């Protein structure tokens, strides 16, 4: 599903370069649940941005579902991102002026999904995530856990090939975080491929395997 070969990332620093990622080799099979761990500054978010096609400024090879990401232009990368990747962020990134149902429908509109199908998919995901009663509420009317639940639903409504989660429980209370982790495990059992950045050892232990970074290097 996903393969990185000798991926490196650096930025200018004074007269030289600051290396954020070094010689990354990574293979993720379809249906895997992988936790990316490591201390602050290890390169976890940088790696996630590359995997999510948010950052094209790297060297090396990145293959996603057979496509050479490193050889795509900006337009093709954007199209692949919309088709293949769902994002779950720490701080939800819901749109305040849209209702829950409208937040869920928005990514489908970006993909030119017909209106009737959009409504059907929203109704299905509301039922699946047991948030039908929240559909007309706005993000400010929801608890943090409820907002993250909507964010996970929004990330999955497009049926992406891979889910990227950046500290998905970092802003939540323990009980709310447990609900989100249980949901990610359920999505994994249903066949989703999930990469999760986390500082939480207990959350990382719930993944199938862990990839640890330190100073931009994968630890073996």
Protein backbone atom coordinates (compact mmCIF):
# COMPACT_ATOMS: atom_id res chain seq x y z
CA UNK A 1 0.00 0.00 0.00
CA UNK A 2 2.70 2.48 1.01
CA UNK A 3 6.48 2.42 0.61
CA UNK A 4 9.19 4.97 1.37
CA UNK A 5 12.72 4.41 0.09
CA UNK A 6 15.62 6.55 1.29
CA UNK A 7 13.33 9.50 2.02
CA UNK A 8 15.08 12.53 3.47
CA UNK A 9 13.94 16.02 4.41
CA UNK A 10 15.99 19.06 5.38
CA UNK A 11 15.57 22.82 5.66
CA UNK A 12 18.12 25.67 5.45
CA UNK A 13 19.82 26.51 8.76
CA UNK A 14 22.47 29.21 8.76
CA UNK A 15 25.21 28.18 6.34
CA UNK A 16 24.07 24.57 6.26
CA UNK A 17 21.03 22.33 6.48
CA UNK A 18 18.93 21.05 9.36
CA UNK A 19 17.95 17.44 8.76
CA UNK A 20 14.40 16.54 9.79
CA UNK A 21 14.28 13.05 8.30
CA UNK A 22 17.21 10.79 7.37
CA UNK A 23 17.21 7.73 5.10
CA UNK A 24 13.66 6.64 5.93
CA UNK A 25 12.74 3.13 4.80
CA UNK A 26 9.13 2.24 5.52
CA UNK A 27 6.67 -0.32 4.19
CA UNK A 28 3.00 -0.37 5.20
CA UNK A 29 0.75 -3.17 3.98
CA UNK A 30 -2.94 -2.70 3.21
CA UNK A 31 -4.99 -3.15 6.37
CA UNK A 32 -2.16 -2.45 8.83
CA UNK A 33 -2.49 -0.27 11.93
CA UNK A 34 0.88 1.39 12.60
CA UNK A 35 1.82 3.82 15.39
CA UNK A 36 4.58 6.36 14.74
CA UNK A 37 6.25 7.22 18.02
CA UNK A 38 9.20 9.21 19.35
CA UNK A 39 10.04 12.32 21.38
CA UNK A 40 9.11 15.86 20.35
CA UNK A 41 11.25 16.98 17.43
CA UNK A 42 11.89 13.42 16.26
CA UNK A 43 10.29 14.03 12.85
CA UNK A 44 6.91 12.38 13.38
CA UNK A 45 4.78 15.25 12.06
CA UNK A 46 7.21 15.86 9.19
CA UNK A 47 6.87 12.22 8.17
CA UNK A 48 3.08 12.38 8.44
CA UNK A 49 2.97 15.49 6.23
CA UNK A 50 4.97 13.68 3.55
CA UNK A 51 2.78 10.59 3.80
CA UNK A 52 -0.32 12.79 3.57
CA UNK A 53 0.96 14.54 0.41
CA UNK A 54 1.04 17.85 2.27
CA UNK A 55 4.80 18.23 1.74
CA UNK A 56 6.48 17.59 -1.62
CA UNK A 57 9.88 18.98 -0.64
CA UNK A 58 11.74 15.76 0.10
CA UNK A 59 14.24 13.49 -1.61
CA UNK A 60 13.89 9.76 -2.16
CA UNK A 61 10.97 7.65 -3.33
CA UNK A 62 7.40 7.50 -2.07
CA UNK A 63 5.06 4.91 -3.57
CA UNK A 64 1.35 4.96 -2.66
CA UNK A 65 -0.82 2.13 -3.95
CA UNK A 66 1.55 1.62 -6.88
CA UNK A 67 1.86 5.30 -7.80
CA UNK A 68 5.20 7.10 -7.67
CA UNK A 69 4.27 10.10 -5.54
CA UNK A 70 7.76 11.58 -5.94
CA UNK A 71 7.14 11.88 -9.69
CA UNK A 72 3.74 13.59 -9.59
CA UNK A 73 3.05 17.24 -10.28
CA UNK A 74 1.06 19.36 -7.82
CA UNK A 75 -2.31 18.79 -9.52
CA UNK A 76 -1.86 15.01 -9.66
CA UNK A 77 -0.71 14.93 -6.03
CA UNK A 78 -3.81 16.84 -4.95
CA UNK A 79 -6.06 14.45 -6.88
CA UNK A 80 -4.37 11.43 -5.30
CA UNK A 81 -4.65 12.97 -1.84
CA UNK A 82 -8.39 13.54 -2.22
CA UNK A 83 -8.92 9.99 -3.47
CA UNK A 84 -6.63 8.04 -1.18
CA UNK A 85 -6.13 9.79 2.17
CA UNK A 86 -8.28 10.72 5.14
CA UNK A 87 -6.93 12.96 7.90
CA UNK A 88 -7.73 12.97 11.62
CA UNK A 89 -6.17 15.90 13.46
CA UNK A 90 -5.63 16.57 17.16
CA UNK A 91 -7.80 19.68 17.15
CA UNK A 92 -10.62 18.39 14.93
CA UNK A 93 -10.46 21.11 12.20
CA UNK A 94 -14.22 21.19 11.86
CA UNK A 95 -15.76 24.26 10.22
CA UNK A 96 -17.56 26.27 12.90
CA UNK A 97 -20.25 27.71 10.61
CA UNK A 98 -21.34 24.33 9.27
CA UNK A 99 -23.53 21.79 11.04
CA UNK A 100 -22.31 18.27 11.73
CA UNK A 101 -24.09 16.97 8.62
CA UNK A 102 -22.64 19.79 6.50
CA UNK A 103 -19.13 19.14 7.83
CA UNK A 104 -19.51 15.50 6.83
CA UNK A 105 -20.82 16.34 3.37
CA UNK A 106 -18.09 18.85 2.55
CA UNK A 107 -15.28 16.43 1.55
CA UNK A 108 -17.71 14.62 -0.74
CA UNK A 109 -18.52 17.87 -2.55
CA UNK A 110 -14.80 18.34 -3.23
CA UNK A 111 -14.86 15.00 -5.03
CA UNK A 112 -17.88 15.90 -7.18
CA UNK A 113 -20.00 13.15 -5.62
CA UNK A 114 -23.62 13.59 -6.82
CA UNK A 115 -25.96 15.24 -4.32
CA UNK A 116 -28.16 12.19 -3.82
CA UNK A 117 -25.16 9.99 -3.06
CA UNK A 118 -23.72 12.62 -0.71
CA UNK A 119 -26.94 12.65 1.31
CA UNK A 120 -27.02 8.85 1.42
CA UNK A 121 -23.40 8.60 2.58
CA UNK A 122 -23.93 11.25 5.26
CA UNK A 123 -27.01 9.42 6.54
CA UNK A 124 -25.06 6.15 6.59
CA UNK A 125 -22.05 7.57 8.45
CA UNK A 126 -24.27 9.37 10.98
CA UNK A 127 -25.93 6.04 11.75
CA UNK A 128 -22.66 4.09 11.80
CA UNK A 129 -21.04 6.51 14.27
CA UNK A 130 -24.26 6.85 16.28
CA UNK A 131 -24.39 10.64 15.90
CA UNK A 132 -27.73 11.01 14.10
CA UNK A 133 -28.99 13.14 16.98
CA UNK A 134 -26.08 15.57 16.50
CA UNK A 135 -26.51 16.14 12.76
CA UNK A 136 -28.03 19.65 13.04
CA UNK A 137 -25.71 20.86 15.80
CA UNK A 138 -22.64 23.05 15.26
CA UNK A 139 -19.13 22.17 16.49
CA UNK A 140 -19.32 24.72 19.34
CA UNK A 141 -22.33 22.82 20.70
CA UNK A 142 -20.36 19.57 20.98
CA UNK A 143 -17.90 18.31 23.57
CA UNK A 144 -14.30 17.70 22.54
CA UNK A 145 -14.92 13.98 22.29
CA UNK A 146 -18.01 14.50 20.16
CA UNK A 147 -16.10 16.86 17.85
CA UNK A 148 -13.34 14.29 17.40
CA UNK A 149 -15.96 11.62 16.69
CA UNK A 150 -17.33 13.83 13.90
CA UNK A 151 -13.78 14.43 12.66
CA UNK A 152 -13.15 10.68 12.41
CA UNK A 153 -16.47 10.24 10.61
CA UNK A 154 -15.53 13.01 8.18
CA UNK A 155 -12.15 11.38 7.52
CA UNK A 156 -13.78 8.05 6.65
CA UNK A 157 -16.80 9.23 4.66
CA UNK A 158 -14.77 9.41 1.44
CA UNK A 159 -13.70 5.76 1.93
CA UNK A 160 -9.98 6.57 1.74
CA UNK A 161 -7.33 3.91 1.24
CA UNK A 162 -5.39 5.15 4.24
CA UNK A 163 -6.24 7.09 7.42
CA UNK A 164 -3.57 9.37 8.89
CA UNK A 165 -4.17 10.33 12.52
CA UNK A 166 -2.06 13.02 14.19
CA UNK A 167 -2.35 12.70 17.99
CA UNK A 168 -6.09 11.92 17.68
CA UNK A 169 -6.63 11.77 21.46
CA UNK A 170 -4.16 14.48 22.47
CA UNK A 171 -6.83 17.12 23.21
CA UNK A 172 -9.28 14.76 24.91
CA UNK A 173 -10.00 13.54 28.41
CA UNK A 174 -9.09 9.92 29.09
CA UNK A 175 -12.63 8.55 28.65
CA UNK A 176 -13.09 10.49 25.41
CA UNK A 177 -9.69 9.31 24.16
CA UNK A 178 -10.64 5.73 24.93
CA UNK A 179 -13.75 6.09 22.80
CA UNK A 180 -11.72 7.37 19.84
CA UNK A 181 -9.10 4.62 20.19
CA UNK A 182 -11.84 1.98 20.32
CA UNK A 183 -13.30 3.49 17.16
CA UNK A 184 -9.93 3.40 15.37
CA UNK A 185 -9.56 -0.26 16.36
CA UNK A 186 -13.03 -0.94 14.97
CA UNK A 187 -12.16 0.79 11.68
CA UNK A 188 -8.97 -1.27 11.51
CA UNK A 189 -10.89 -4.51 12.02
CA UNK A 190 -13.18 -3.43 9.17
CA UNK A 191 -10.15 -3.18 6.87
CA UNK A 192 -8.86 0.40 7.16
CA UNK A 193 -5.14 1.09 6.86
CA UNK A 194 -4.21 3.46 9.69
CA UNK A 195 -1.03 5.39 10.54
CA UNK A 196 -1.22 7.17 13.88
CA UNK A 197 1.29 9.63 15.35
CA UNK A 198 1.15 9.48 19.14
CA UNK A 199 3.12 10.32 22.29
CA UNK A 200 0.87 8.02 24.31
CA UNK A 201 2.52 4.61 24.95
CA UNK A 202 -0.82 2.98 25.78
CA UNK A 203 -2.33 4.14 22.48
CA UNK A 204 0.77 3.06 20.55
CA UNK A 205 0.54 -0.41 22.10
CA UNK A 206 -2.91 -0.86 20.57
CA UNK A 207 -1.51 -0.65 17.04
CA UNK A 208 -0.26 -3.75 15.24
CA UNK A 209 3.28 -2.42 15.25
CA UNK A 210 5.26 0.68 16.10
CA UNK A 211 7.74 2.74 14.10
CA UNK A 212 9.93 4.83 16.41
CA UNK A 213 11.74 7.98 15.27
CA UNK A 214 14.62 9.80 16.97
CA UNK A 215 16.39 12.82 15.49
CA UNK A 216 14.84 12.03 12.11
CA UNK A 217 16.05 8.42 12.00
CA UNK A 218 13.93 5.27 12.26
CA UNK A 219 15.07 3.34 15.32
CA UNK A 220 15.64 -0.39 14.86
